[in-house]
Protein backbone atom coordinates (compact mmCIF):
# COMPACT_ATOMS: atom_id res chain seq x y z
CA UNK A 1 20.42 -7.81 -0.11
CA UNK A 2 22.67 -4.94 0.13
CA UNK A 3 22.75 -2.11 -2.37
CA UNK A 4 25.73 -0.68 -3.97
CA UNK A 5 27.49 1.57 -1.46
CA UNK A 6 25.60 0.08 1.61
CA UNK A 7 26.85 -2.25 4.35
CA UNK A 8 23.26 -3.45 5.43
CA UNK A 9 20.63 -5.12 3.75
CA UNK A 10 17.50 -2.92 2.90
CA UNK A 11 13.85 -3.97 3.84
CA UNK A 12 11.71 -4.54 0.70
CA UNK A 13 8.01 -3.43 1.05
CA UNK A 14 5.54 -6.32 -0.25
CA UNK A 15 3.69 -4.74 -3.13
CA UNK A 16 1.23 -8.12 -3.92
CA UNK A 17 -1.71 -8.78 -1.89
CA UNK A 18 -3.92 -11.92 -2.31
CA UNK A 19 -7.21 -11.91 -0.39
CA UNK A 20 -8.38 -15.12 1.51
CA UNK A 21 -11.61 -16.53 0.35
CA UNK A 22 -13.82 -14.62 2.56
CA UNK A 23 -12.52 -11.55 1.12
CA UNK A 24 -11.86 -9.90 4.61
CA UNK A 25 -8.30 -10.53 5.15
CA UNK A 26 -5.25 -10.76 2.87
CA UNK A 27 -1.72 -12.06 2.81
CA UNK A 28 1.17 -10.05 1.02
CA UNK A 29 4.45 -10.45 -0.16
CA UNK A 30 5.84 -13.83 -0.29
CA UNK A 31 2.68 -15.01 1.61
CA UNK A 32 0.50 -14.45 -1.39
CA UNK A 33 2.75 -16.56 -3.59
CA UNK A 34 0.52 -19.14 -5.23
CA UNK A 35 -2.65 -17.93 -3.88
CA UNK A 36 -5.84 -16.91 -5.80
CA UNK A 37 -7.24 -13.28 -5.84
CA UNK A 38 -3.80 -11.60 -6.22
CA UNK A 39 -3.85 -8.11 -6.55
CA UNK A 40 -1.11 -5.87 -8.17
CA UNK A 41 -1.04 -2.32 -9.42
CA UNK A 42 -3.58 -0.85 -7.05
CA UNK A 43 -1.86 2.66 -7.24
CA UNK A 44 -2.75 2.50 -10.99
CA UNK A 45 -6.33 1.83 -10.28
CA UNK A 46 -6.56 5.04 -8.38
CA UNK A 47 -6.99 7.37 -11.20
CA UNK A 48 -10.13 6.57 -12.99
CA UNK A 49 -9.32 9.29 -15.82
CA UNK A 50 -6.43 7.14 -16.87
CA UNK A 51 -6.37 4.16 -19.11
CA UNK A 52 -4.71 1.31 -17.22
CA UNK A 53 -2.48 -0.62 -19.64
CA UNK A 54 -0.68 -2.75 -16.98
CA UNK A 55 -2.34 -6.32 -17.39
CA UNK A 56 -1.87 -7.32 -13.66
CA UNK A 57 -3.65 -4.08 -12.72
CA UNK A 58 -6.46 -4.91 -15.18
CA UNK A 59 -6.82 -8.33 -13.66
CA UNK A 60 -6.76 -6.90 -10.09
CA UNK A 61 -9.64 -4.57 -10.97
CA UNK A 62 -11.63 -7.67 -11.69
CA UNK A 63 -10.69 -9.30 -8.64
CA UNK A 64 -11.28 -6.23 -6.53
CA UNK A 65 -14.88 -5.91 -8.19
CA UNK A 66 -15.38 -9.52 -7.21
CA UNK A 67 -14.65 -8.76 -3.53
CA UNK A 68 -17.12 -6.00 -3.78
CA UNK A 69 -14.49 -3.48 -2.76
CA UNK A 70 -12.86 -0.14 -4.34
CA UNK A 71 -9.40 0.25 -5.23
CA UNK A 72 -9.39 3.10 -2.61
CA UNK A 73 -10.30 0.76 0.07
CA UNK A 74 -7.94 -1.85 -0.77
CA UNK A 75 -5.10 0.93 -0.83
CA UNK A 76 -6.10 1.99 2.55
CA UNK A 77 -5.94 -1.50 4.03
CA UNK A 78 -2.45 -2.08 2.34
CA UNK A 79 -1.23 1.07 3.75
CA UNK A 80 -2.59 0.27 7.23
CA UNK A 81 -0.79 -3.15 7.24
CA UNK A 82 2.42 -1.38 6.09
CA UNK A 83 2.40 0.91 9.09
CA UNK A 84 1.74 -1.97 11.46
CA UNK A 85 4.41 -4.06 9.63
CA UNK A 86 6.83 -1.22 10.13
CA UNK A 87 5.99 -0.88 13.67
CA UNK A 88 6.39 -4.38 14.45
CA UNK A 89 10.05 -4.23 12.93
CA UNK A 90 10.72 -1.29 14.92
CA UNK A 91 9.41 -3.38 18.30
CA UNK A 92 11.58 -6.27 17.47
CA UNK A 93 14.50 -4.12 17.21
CA UNK A 94 13.92 -2.21 20.48
CA UNK A 95 13.49 1.00 18.75
CA UNK A 96 9.73 1.40 19.19
CA UNK A 97 10.10 3.75 22.23
CA UNK A 98 12.56 5.86 20.86
CA UNK A 99 10.32 6.32 17.55
CA UNK A 100 7.46 7.37 19.72
CA UNK A 101 9.51 10.17 20.93
CA UNK A 102 10.11 11.42 17.36
CA UNK A 103 8.10 13.17 14.58
CA UNK A 104 8.00 10.37 11.97
CA UNK A 105 6.35 10.89 8.59
CA UNK A 106 5.33 8.74 5.91
CA UNK A 107 5.45 9.76 2.37
CA UNK A 108 3.14 8.21 -0.16
CA UNK A 109 4.37 9.01 -3.84
CA UNK A 110 1.43 9.39 -6.31
CA UNK A 111 0.99 9.65 -10.03
CA UNK A 112 1.42 13.41 -10.90
CA UNK A 113 -2.15 13.64 -12.67
CA UNK A 114 -3.42 12.96 -9.03
CA UNK A 115 -1.87 15.94 -7.66
CA UNK A 116 -3.97 18.95 -9.33
CA UNK A 117 -7.45 17.08 -8.58
CA UNK A 118 -9.54 18.49 -5.55
CA UNK A 119 -10.45 14.85 -4.26
CA UNK A 120 -7.45 12.56 -4.42
CA UNK A 121 -8.03 8.86 -3.83
CA UNK A 122 -4.55 8.71 -2.24
CA UNK A 123 -5.77 11.20 0.44
CA UNK A 124 -8.89 8.93 0.93
CA UNK A 125 -6.69 5.87 1.17
CA UNK A 126 -4.57 7.69 4.04
CA UNK A 127 -7.69 8.74 5.90
CA UNK A 128 -9.07 5.14 5.88
CA UNK A 129 -6.01 3.66 7.37
CA UNK A 130 -6.08 6.81 9.93
CA UNK A 131 -2.87 8.69 8.64
CA UNK A 132 -3.13 12.24 8.46
CA UNK A 133 -2.86 13.29 4.94
CA UNK A 134 -1.35 16.86 4.17
CA UNK A 135 -1.71 18.67 0.73
CA UNK A 136 0.79 18.01 -1.61
CA UNK A 137 3.50 20.70 -2.70
């Protein structure tokens, strides 16, 4: 669906994950519809100093514990899959070679409360998926 003022549709990023029964792989976006172990709101779970009030994130925390994983690991897997998904889209459109010659940067937004911390889970997530993480300004 095109946004107002745009002539072309914008890509939507899947934000819902559902882990398969073994817990080692997941489906996301429309693939996760109707599945058990649906994880939402992982970003909210990265800051342990804040009380989470978003019900889907609270339910997701229980699912993540049941998978014997940590929210930071789930976030890292999500970012890694997101990067691979973006690369696949570029490959399909024949832009992959051009993109390899460019300095591409991905920007991850985080809660303001995480910015002032010396150890930030968002940076750990980036490291888990092999993104280079730079300090926030």
